[in-house]
Amino acid sequence: LQQAIAHRVQTGLTTFCLDEPLPSSAPDLFSNDYLSLSTDSVVREIFLRKALGAPRLFGSTGSRLATGNSEEHNALERRLRHFFGAPSALLFNSGFTANVGFFGSVPQSDDVIIYDEFIHTSCREGFRISAARNALYRFAHNSVASFEECLRNVLRKHPQIIHGKSTLFVSLESLYSMDGDFCPLAEIVQLVEVLVPADHAHVVVDEAHTSGMCGPNGSGYVSLLGLNHRVHTQVHTFGKAWGFHGAVVVTSPTVREYMIHSANCVMFSTSMPYIDVYALQACLDVISSDRGQELRQTLVRLSRYAHKQLLRASKCIPGGILSVDNSPSRTHGLYSPIIAIFTPRVRNLADYLVKKGYAVTPFTLP
């Protein structure tokens, strides 16, 4: 293990020390707290009112299948189901476990999974333990042409899909966290509907970076595009714009029931404590309110301004040292809040920013 850590240092990969927190004296430009709800006084006040009047605050005492189910958990799921316009909802302790739980249990042995090459690690972990792990196909990031080529190839190699004997799963993210670009979701959904028999395709969208920050009342990217009834499963995580943690999978009642009985992270994990349920209710109160809409509009304005200023400041820097994408990812009036900065001297830049008080962590490949 020591040799592996030493090799990581020698090859210039990012290493982390958790013994001290990152600085916080400069403005927050690097976290996922898009709407600043983690420090929001209104959310705090709403939460405290709910918590002070609650009969139980702490541990749920067991998994949902044992003693960890309650009316509070069910009420939150009902509200989330209504908020996202979905037929059913199932809570998870994190977005990571939600993706692992879904892909590790729902796809069957004769099924096939197609995924974007930049899909999140949590989805890949689900693929790894999935019954469909021997039928995985990836396409070039955000390329509709590559997706179509991959899809046609899959349908030739797996005719059981065309014959209605298995299901094709498509794994996507609404907004990709490394490059900060939106998924061409409408085009991909259209291709799936044209080429795959009805009821034998299942499109799954991870809304980690768009839940709360766009769509009607903050209900996300799928809702913004009007695709709620054409995307089969959405994974909404609460660690970004929601300013908290946890996740919900919104899907069909059949898929929900199957995960309850087959997803290990549902069956064998203690469900979220009551205090988390009340906190998420408070976050949702703000996200779905007029104030939530104001916060989303502010985010768009700040994202547009930040990209403009970064482009202006980087013009005098040679591209071989630092570069910013000339065209920010935007769609339907949205500007991506994730602005990728590329440099071969990522550690030097990060060290400089940390000294200036910014909470920044460099990301290196792989």
Protein backbone atom coordinates (compact mmCIF):
# COMPACT_ATOMS: atom_id res chain seq x y z
CA LEU A 1 0.00 0.00 0.00
CA GLN A 2 2.84 2.40 0.80
CA GLN A 3 4.41 1.66 -2.57
CA ALA A 4 1.13 2.39 -4.33
CA ILE A 5 0.79 5.72 -2.51
CA ALA A 6 4.43 6.60 -3.29
CA HIS A 7 3.88 5.76 -6.96
CA ARG A 8 0.88 8.09 -7.03
CA VAL A 9 3.02 10.92 -5.68
CA GLN A 10 5.91 10.19 -8.05
CA THR A 11 3.69 10.17 -11.13
CA GLY A 12 2.12 13.52 -10.23
CA LEU A 13 -1.39 12.27 -9.48
CA THR A 14 -3.45 14.19 -6.97
CA THR A 15 -3.03 13.08 -3.36
CA PHE A 16 -5.30 14.13 -0.55
CA CYS A 17 -4.83 14.83 3.14
CA LEU A 18 -8.01 14.99 5.18
CA ASP A 19 -6.37 15.93 8.47
CA GLU A 20 -6.95 19.63 7.82
CA PRO A 21 -9.88 21.25 5.97
CA LEU A 22 -9.38 23.37 2.90
CA PRO A 23 -9.30 27.15 3.47
CA SER A 24 -12.56 29.08 3.34
CA SER A 25 -11.55 32.74 3.52
CA ALA A 26 -12.14 33.43 -0.19
CA PRO A 27 -15.50 33.22 -1.99
CA ASP A 28 -16.82 29.72 -2.76
CA LEU A 29 -16.05 29.09 -6.43
CA PHE A 30 -15.28 25.38 -6.27
CA SER A 31 -17.98 23.53 -4.32
CA ASN A 32 -21.23 21.99 -5.60
CA ASP A 33 -23.33 24.27 -3.38
CA TYR A 34 -24.86 25.98 -6.42
CA LEU A 35 -27.66 27.82 -4.61
CA SER A 36 -25.72 28.33 -1.33
CA LEU A 37 -28.43 26.43 0.56
CA SER A 38 -25.90 24.76 2.86
CA THR A 39 -25.46 28.12 4.61
CA ASP A 40 -28.91 29.56 3.92
CA SER A 41 -30.59 31.18 6.93
CA VAL A 42 -34.13 30.53 5.63
CA VAL A 43 -33.47 26.80 5.21
CA ARG A 44 -31.96 26.76 8.68
CA GLU A 45 -35.01 28.44 10.24
CA ILE A 46 -37.47 26.12 8.48
CA PHE A 47 -35.47 23.08 9.51
CA LEU A 48 -35.24 24.15 13.15
CA ARG A 49 -39.01 24.67 13.32
CA LYS A 50 -39.62 21.20 11.91
CA ALA A 51 -36.99 19.59 14.13
CA LEU A 52 -38.14 21.25 17.36
CA GLY A 53 -41.67 20.00 16.81
CA ALA A 54 -40.67 16.48 15.84
CA PRO A 55 -41.13 13.52 18.20
CA ARG A 56 -38.00 11.81 16.84
CA LEU A 57 -34.79 13.33 15.48
CA PHE A 58 -31.97 10.84 15.29
CA GLY A 59 -31.49 7.27 14.09
CA SER A 60 -34.14 5.44 12.12
CA THR A 61 -33.00 2.25 13.95
CA GLY A 62 -32.87 -0.06 10.93
CA SER A 63 -33.26 -0.55 7.20
CA ARG A 64 -36.51 0.33 5.45
CA LEU A 65 -37.35 -3.38 5.39
CA ALA A 66 -36.99 -3.61 9.18
CA THR A 67 -37.63 -0.86 11.74
CA GLY A 68 -36.28 2.02 9.59
CA ASN A 69 -39.49 2.74 7.71
CA SER A 70 -41.78 5.52 8.97
CA GLU A 71 -44.56 7.86 7.96
CA GLU A 72 -41.93 10.63 7.80
CA HIS A 73 -39.92 8.73 5.17
CA ASN A 74 -43.05 7.87 3.21
CA ALA A 75 -44.31 11.47 3.35
CA LEU A 76 -41.03 12.74 1.93
CA GLU A 77 -41.14 10.17 -0.87
CA ARG A 78 -44.72 11.17 -1.72
CA ARG A 79 -43.74 14.81 -1.85
CA LEU A 80 -40.68 14.10 -4.01
CA ARG A 81 -42.77 11.93 -6.33
CA HIS A 82 -45.19 14.81 -6.84
CA PHE A 83 -42.40 17.40 -7.14
CA PHE A 84 -40.57 15.48 -9.88
CA GLY A 85 -43.76 14.41 -11.64
CA ALA A 86 -42.96 10.71 -11.28
CA PRO A 87 -45.16 7.71 -10.45
CA SER A 88 -42.97 6.60 -7.52
CA ALA A 89 -39.86 7.50 -5.53
CA LEU A 90 -37.33 5.67 -3.36
CA LEU A 91 -34.91 7.37 -0.96
CA PHE A 92 -31.20 6.52 -0.72
CA ASN A 93 -28.47 7.64 1.66
CA SER A 94 -26.34 9.07 -1.18
CA GLY A 95 -26.27 9.53 -4.93
CA PHE A 96 -23.48 6.97 -5.12
CA THR A 97 -25.54 4.25 -3.47
CA ALA A 98 -28.57 5.21 -5.56
CA ASN A 99 -26.69 4.56 -8.81
CA VAL A 100 -25.04 1.41 -7.49
CA GLY A 101 -28.38 0.20 -6.15
CA PHE A 102 -30.19 0.75 -9.43
CA PHE A 103 -27.62 -0.65 -11.87
CA GLY A 104 -26.55 -3.39 -9.48
CA SER A 105 -30.06 -4.80 -9.27
CA VAL A 106 -32.43 -3.72 -12.06
CA PRO A 107 -30.71 -4.82 -15.33
CA GLN A 108 -31.08 -8.59 -15.86
CA SER A 109 -28.66 -11.12 -17.35
CA ASP A 110 -29.99 -10.82 -20.93
CA ASP A 111 -30.11 -7.02 -20.82
CA VAL A 112 -27.63 -4.54 -22.31
CA ILE A 113 -26.26 -1.24 -20.98
CA ILE A 114 -25.08 1.63 -23.19
CA TYR A 115 -23.37 4.52 -21.40
CA ASP A 116 -21.61 7.81 -22.05
CA GLU A 117 -17.84 7.41 -21.74
CA PHE A 118 -17.77 10.15 -19.06
CA ILE A 119 -20.47 8.58 -16.88
CA HIS A 120 -19.93 8.84 -13.13
CA THR A 121 -17.95 6.26 -11.17
CA SER A 122 -21.02 5.32 -9.14
CA CYS A 123 -22.78 4.13 -12.31
CA ARG A 124 -19.68 2.16 -13.30
CA GLU A 125 -19.65 0.49 -9.91
CA GLY A 126 -23.25 -0.50 -10.50
CA PHE A 127 -22.34 -1.87 -13.95
CA ARG A 128 -19.53 -3.90 -12.39
CA ILE A 129 -21.88 -5.88 -10.15
CA SER A 130 -24.81 -5.88 -12.55
CA ALA A 131 -26.22 -9.08 -14.04
CA ALA A 132 -25.69 -7.30 -17.40
CA ARG A 133 -21.98 -6.65 -16.74
CA ASN A 134 -20.93 -8.71 -19.77
CA ALA A 135 -22.97 -6.54 -22.15
CA LEU A 136 -21.62 -3.02 -21.60
CA TYR A 137 -21.13 -0.57 -24.48
CA ARG A 138 -19.90 3.00 -24.31
CA PHE A 139 -20.19 5.84 -26.79
CA ALA A 140 -18.14 9.02 -27.28
CA HIS A 141 -19.00 11.72 -24.79
CA ASN A 142 -22.12 13.69 -25.70
CA SER A 143 -21.89 12.57 -29.34
CA VAL A 144 -25.30 11.82 -30.82
CA ALA A 145 -23.65 10.31 -33.90
CA SER A 146 -21.50 8.00 -31.77
CA PHE A 147 -24.55 7.03 -29.71
CA GLU A 148 -26.53 6.13 -32.83
CA GLU A 149 -23.65 4.05 -34.18
CA CYS A 150 -23.29 2.27 -30.84
CA LEU A 151 -27.03 1.69 -30.57
CA ARG A 152 -27.32 0.20 -34.06
CA ASN A 153 -24.33 -2.05 -33.37
CA VAL A 154 -25.88 -3.24 -30.09
CA LEU A 155 -29.18 -4.04 -31.78
CA ARG A 156 -27.35 -6.14 -34.39
CA LYS A 157 -25.35 -8.02 -31.75
CA HIS A 158 -28.30 -8.47 -29.38
CA PRO A 159 -31.37 -9.22 -31.53
CA GLN A 160 -33.28 -10.31 -28.41
CA ILE A 161 -33.92 -6.60 -27.79
CA ILE A 162 -35.67 -6.18 -31.14
CA HIS A 163 -37.60 -9.39 -30.47
CA GLY A 164 -38.83 -7.99 -27.16
CA LYS A 165 -37.02 -10.51 -24.95
CA SER A 166 -34.64 -8.17 -23.13
CA THR A 167 -34.18 -4.52 -22.25
CA LEU A 168 -31.68 -1.90 -23.40
CA PHE A 169 -30.56 0.47 -20.63
CA VAL A 170 -29.06 3.87 -21.52
CA SER A 171 -27.04 5.58 -18.75
CA LEU A 172 -26.57 9.36 -19.00
CA GLU A 173 -25.93 12.43 -16.87
CA SER A 174 -27.86 15.65 -17.35
CA LEU A 175 -24.77 17.78 -16.70
CA TYR A 176 -21.30 16.23 -16.62
CA SER A 177 -19.19 17.30 -13.69
CA MET A 178 -15.71 17.27 -15.24
CA ASP A 179 -16.27 19.23 -18.47
CA GLY A 180 -19.43 21.02 -17.35
CA ASP A 181 -21.46 20.25 -20.48
CA PHE A 182 -25.14 19.42 -20.82
CA CYS A 183 -26.31 16.13 -22.30
CA PRO A 184 -28.07 16.24 -25.72
CA LEU A 185 -30.85 14.35 -24.03
CA ALA A 186 -33.75 15.09 -26.37
CA GLU A 187 -31.82 13.80 -29.39
CA ILE A 188 -30.73 10.62 -27.60
CA VAL A 189 -34.24 9.89 -26.34
CA GLN A 190 -35.59 10.41 -29.87
CA LEU A 191 -33.13 7.87 -31.30
CA VAL A 192 -34.02 5.33 -28.64
CA GLU A 193 -37.73 5.71 -29.36
CA VAL A 194 -37.20 5.33 -33.11
CA LEU A 195 -34.83 2.35 -33.03
CA VAL A 196 -35.83 0.32 -29.95
CA PRO A 197 -39.23 -1.36 -29.47
CA ALA A 198 -41.47 0.33 -26.95
CA ASP A 199 -41.21 -1.11 -23.44
CA HIS A 200 -37.77 -2.60 -24.16
CA ALA A 201 -35.68 0.53 -23.63
CA HIS A 202 -34.94 2.17 -20.28
CA VAL A 203 -33.29 5.60 -20.23
CA VAL A 204 -31.67 6.50 -16.90
CA VAL A 205 -30.57 10.10 -16.23
CA ASP A 206 -28.40 11.09 -13.27
CA GLU A 207 -29.55 14.62 -12.36
CA ALA A 208 -26.91 15.17 -9.68
CA HIS A 209 -25.76 18.54 -11.03
CA THR A 210 -29.13 19.84 -12.28
CA SER A 211 -31.58 18.81 -9.56
CA GLY A 212 -32.77 21.97 -7.84
CA MET A 213 -30.92 24.32 -10.19
CA CYS A 214 -33.20 24.26 -13.25
CA GLY A 215 -36.59 23.16 -14.50
CA PRO A 216 -40.07 24.08 -13.19
CA ASN A 217 -39.65 24.94 -9.50
CA GLY A 218 -36.17 23.40 -9.64
CA SER A 219 -37.36 19.93 -10.66
CA GLY A 220 -34.40 19.37 -12.98
CA TYR A 221 -33.17 19.05 -16.54
CA VAL A 222 -35.52 16.27 -17.63
CA SER A 223 -38.49 18.39 -16.56
CA LEU A 224 -37.01 21.47 -18.22
CA LEU A 225 -36.92 19.59 -21.54
CA GLY A 226 -40.42 18.19 -21.04
CA LEU A 227 -39.16 14.60 -21.08
CA ASN A 228 -40.63 13.31 -17.81
CA HIS A 229 -42.78 10.71 -19.55
CA ARG A 230 -40.02 9.67 -21.98
CA VAL A 231 -37.17 9.19 -19.47
CA HIS A 232 -37.83 6.09 -17.41
CA THR A 233 -35.68 6.69 -14.32
CA GLN A 234 -34.10 9.79 -12.82
CA VAL A 235 -31.57 9.88 -9.99
CA HIS A 236 -31.73 13.15 -8.05
CA THR A 237 -29.01 13.69 -5.48
CA PHE A 238 -29.19 16.22 -2.67
CA GLY A 239 -25.51 17.07 -2.23
CA LYS A 240 -25.28 19.81 -4.86
CA ALA A 241 -27.96 22.50 -5.36
CA TRP A 242 -29.97 21.04 -2.47
CA GLY A 243 -27.12 21.84 -0.07
CA PHE A 244 -27.49 18.59 1.87
CA HIS A 245 -26.92 14.88 1.15
CA GLY A 246 -28.84 11.77 0.16
CA ALA A 247 -30.71 10.94 -3.04
CA VAL A 248 -33.97 9.76 -4.51
CA VAL A 249 -34.64 7.49 -7.47
CA VAL A 250 -37.85 8.46 -9.26
CA THR A 251 -39.08 5.67 -11.49
CA SER A 252 -41.97 3.28 -12.11
CA PRO A 253 -43.72 1.50 -9.22
CA THR A 254 -42.46 -1.84 -10.58
CA VAL A 255 -38.81 -0.75 -10.56
CA ARG A 256 -39.21 0.75 -7.09
CA GLU A 257 -40.70 -2.45 -5.71
CA TYR A 258 -37.98 -4.54 -7.36
CA MET A 259 -35.19 -2.40 -5.83
CA ILE A 260 -36.76 -2.67 -2.40
CA HIS A 261 -36.39 -6.45 -2.61
CA SER A 262 -33.13 -6.66 -4.60
CA ALA A 263 -30.88 -3.62 -4.04
CA ASN A 264 -28.50 -4.50 -1.21
CA CYS A 265 -28.04 -0.87 -0.21
CA VAL A 266 -31.78 -0.67 0.45
CA MET A 267 -32.13 -4.04 2.12
CA PHE A 268 -29.07 -3.94 4.35
CA SER A 269 -28.39 -0.25 5.08
CA THR A 270 -29.90 1.75 7.91
CA SER A 271 -32.31 4.23 6.36
CA MET A 272 -31.65 7.95 6.63
CA PRO A 273 -32.21 9.40 10.12
CA TYR A 274 -35.24 11.53 10.88
CA ILE A 275 -33.11 14.67 11.08
CA ASP A 276 -32.17 14.19 7.41
CA VAL A 277 -35.82 13.81 6.42
CA TYR A 278 -36.72 17.11 8.08
CA ALA A 279 -33.69 18.84 6.54
CA LEU A 280 -34.67 17.68 3.05
CA GLN A 281 -38.22 18.88 3.59
CA ALA A 282 -36.78 22.30 4.52
CA CYS A 283 -34.54 22.34 1.44
CA LEU A 284 -37.49 21.45 -0.77
CA ASP A 285 -39.59 24.23 0.79
CA VAL A 286 -37.03 26.78 -0.42
CA ILE A 287 -36.14 25.15 -3.76
CA SER A 288 -39.79 25.02 -4.84
CA SER A 289 -40.58 28.57 -3.69
CA ASP A 290 -40.32 31.96 -5.41
CA ARG A 291 -37.08 32.48 -3.54
CA GLY A 292 -35.74 29.28 -5.04
CA GLN A 293 -36.47 30.68 -8.50
CA GLU A 294 -34.62 33.88 -7.61
CA LEU A 295 -31.61 31.82 -6.50
CA ARG A 296 -31.65 29.89 -9.80
CA GLN A 297 -31.77 33.13 -11.78
CA THR A 298 -28.85 34.46 -9.76
CA LEU A 299 -26.90 31.28 -10.50
CA VAL A 300 -27.40 31.71 -14.26
CA ARG A 301 -26.29 35.34 -14.05
CA LEU A 302 -23.21 34.51 -11.99
CA SER A 303 -22.26 31.57 -14.23
CA ARG A 304 -22.48 33.73 -17.33
CA TYR A 305 -20.48 36.52 -15.67
CA ALA A 306 -17.79 34.16 -14.33
CA HIS A 307 -17.23 32.56 -17.73
CA LYS A 308 -16.97 35.96 -19.42
CA GLN A 309 -14.45 37.21 -16.88
CA LEU A 310 -12.36 34.03 -17.01
CA LEU A 311 -12.20 34.22 -20.80
CA ARG A 312 -11.12 37.84 -20.64
CA ALA A 313 -8.47 37.18 -18.01
CA SER A 314 -7.07 34.13 -19.82
CA LYS A 315 -6.53 35.85 -23.18
CA CYS A 316 -3.07 37.00 -22.19
CA ILE A 317 -2.04 33.50 -21.05
CA PRO A 318 -0.62 31.05 -23.63
CA GLY A 319 -2.99 28.15 -24.28
CA GLY A 320 -0.25 25.68 -23.41
CA ILE A 321 -0.26 27.02 -19.86
CA LEU A 322 -3.97 27.57 -19.18
CA SER A 323 -7.15 27.54 -21.24
CA VAL A 324 -10.87 28.08 -20.74
CA ASP A 325 -13.52 26.77 -23.13
CA ASN A 326 -14.46 29.58 -25.52
CA SER A 327 -18.11 28.53 -25.71
CA PRO A 328 -19.78 27.82 -22.36
CA SER A 329 -22.25 24.96 -22.28
CA ARG A 330 -25.73 26.44 -22.37
CA THR A 331 -29.20 25.29 -23.28
CA HIS A 332 -32.75 26.57 -22.82
CA GLY A 333 -31.50 29.71 -21.08
CA LEU A 334 -29.16 27.78 -18.79
CA TYR A 335 -25.46 28.43 -18.36
CA SER A 336 -23.44 25.60 -16.89
CA PRO A 337 -22.23 26.47 -13.37
CA ILE A 338 -19.25 24.17 -13.98
CA ILE A 339 -16.47 25.97 -15.84
CA ALA A 340 -13.59 23.68 -16.70
CA ILE A 341 -10.10 25.19 -16.58
CA PHE A 342 -7.41 23.14 -18.32
CA THR A 343 -3.73 23.37 -17.50
CA PRO A 344 -0.74 21.00 -17.47
CA ARG A 345 0.32 22.73 -14.24
CA VAL A 346 -2.78 21.87 -12.26
CA ARG A 347 -0.98 21.32 -8.96
CA ASN A 348 0.87 24.64 -9.20
CA LEU A 349 -2.37 26.49 -9.92
CA ALA A 350 -4.18 24.73 -7.09
CA ASP A 351 -1.39 25.47 -4.60
CA TYR A 352 -1.48 29.14 -5.58
CA LEU A 353 -5.26 29.37 -5.17
CA VAL A 354 -5.16 27.59 -1.80
CA LYS A 355 -2.64 30.19 -0.59
CA LYS A 356 -5.13 32.85 -1.65
CA GLY A 357 -7.80 31.21 0.53
CA TYR A 358 -9.79 29.29 -2.10
CA ALA A 359 -11.04 25.78 -1.29
CA VAL A 360 -9.76 24.10 -4.45
CA THR A 361 -8.65 20.55 -5.20
CA PRO A 362 -6.81 19.71 -8.44
CA PHE A 363 -8.08 16.85 -10.60
CA THR A 364 -5.57 14.88 -12.64
CA LEU A 365 -6.00 11.95 -15.01
CA PRO A 366 -6.61 9.12 -14.67
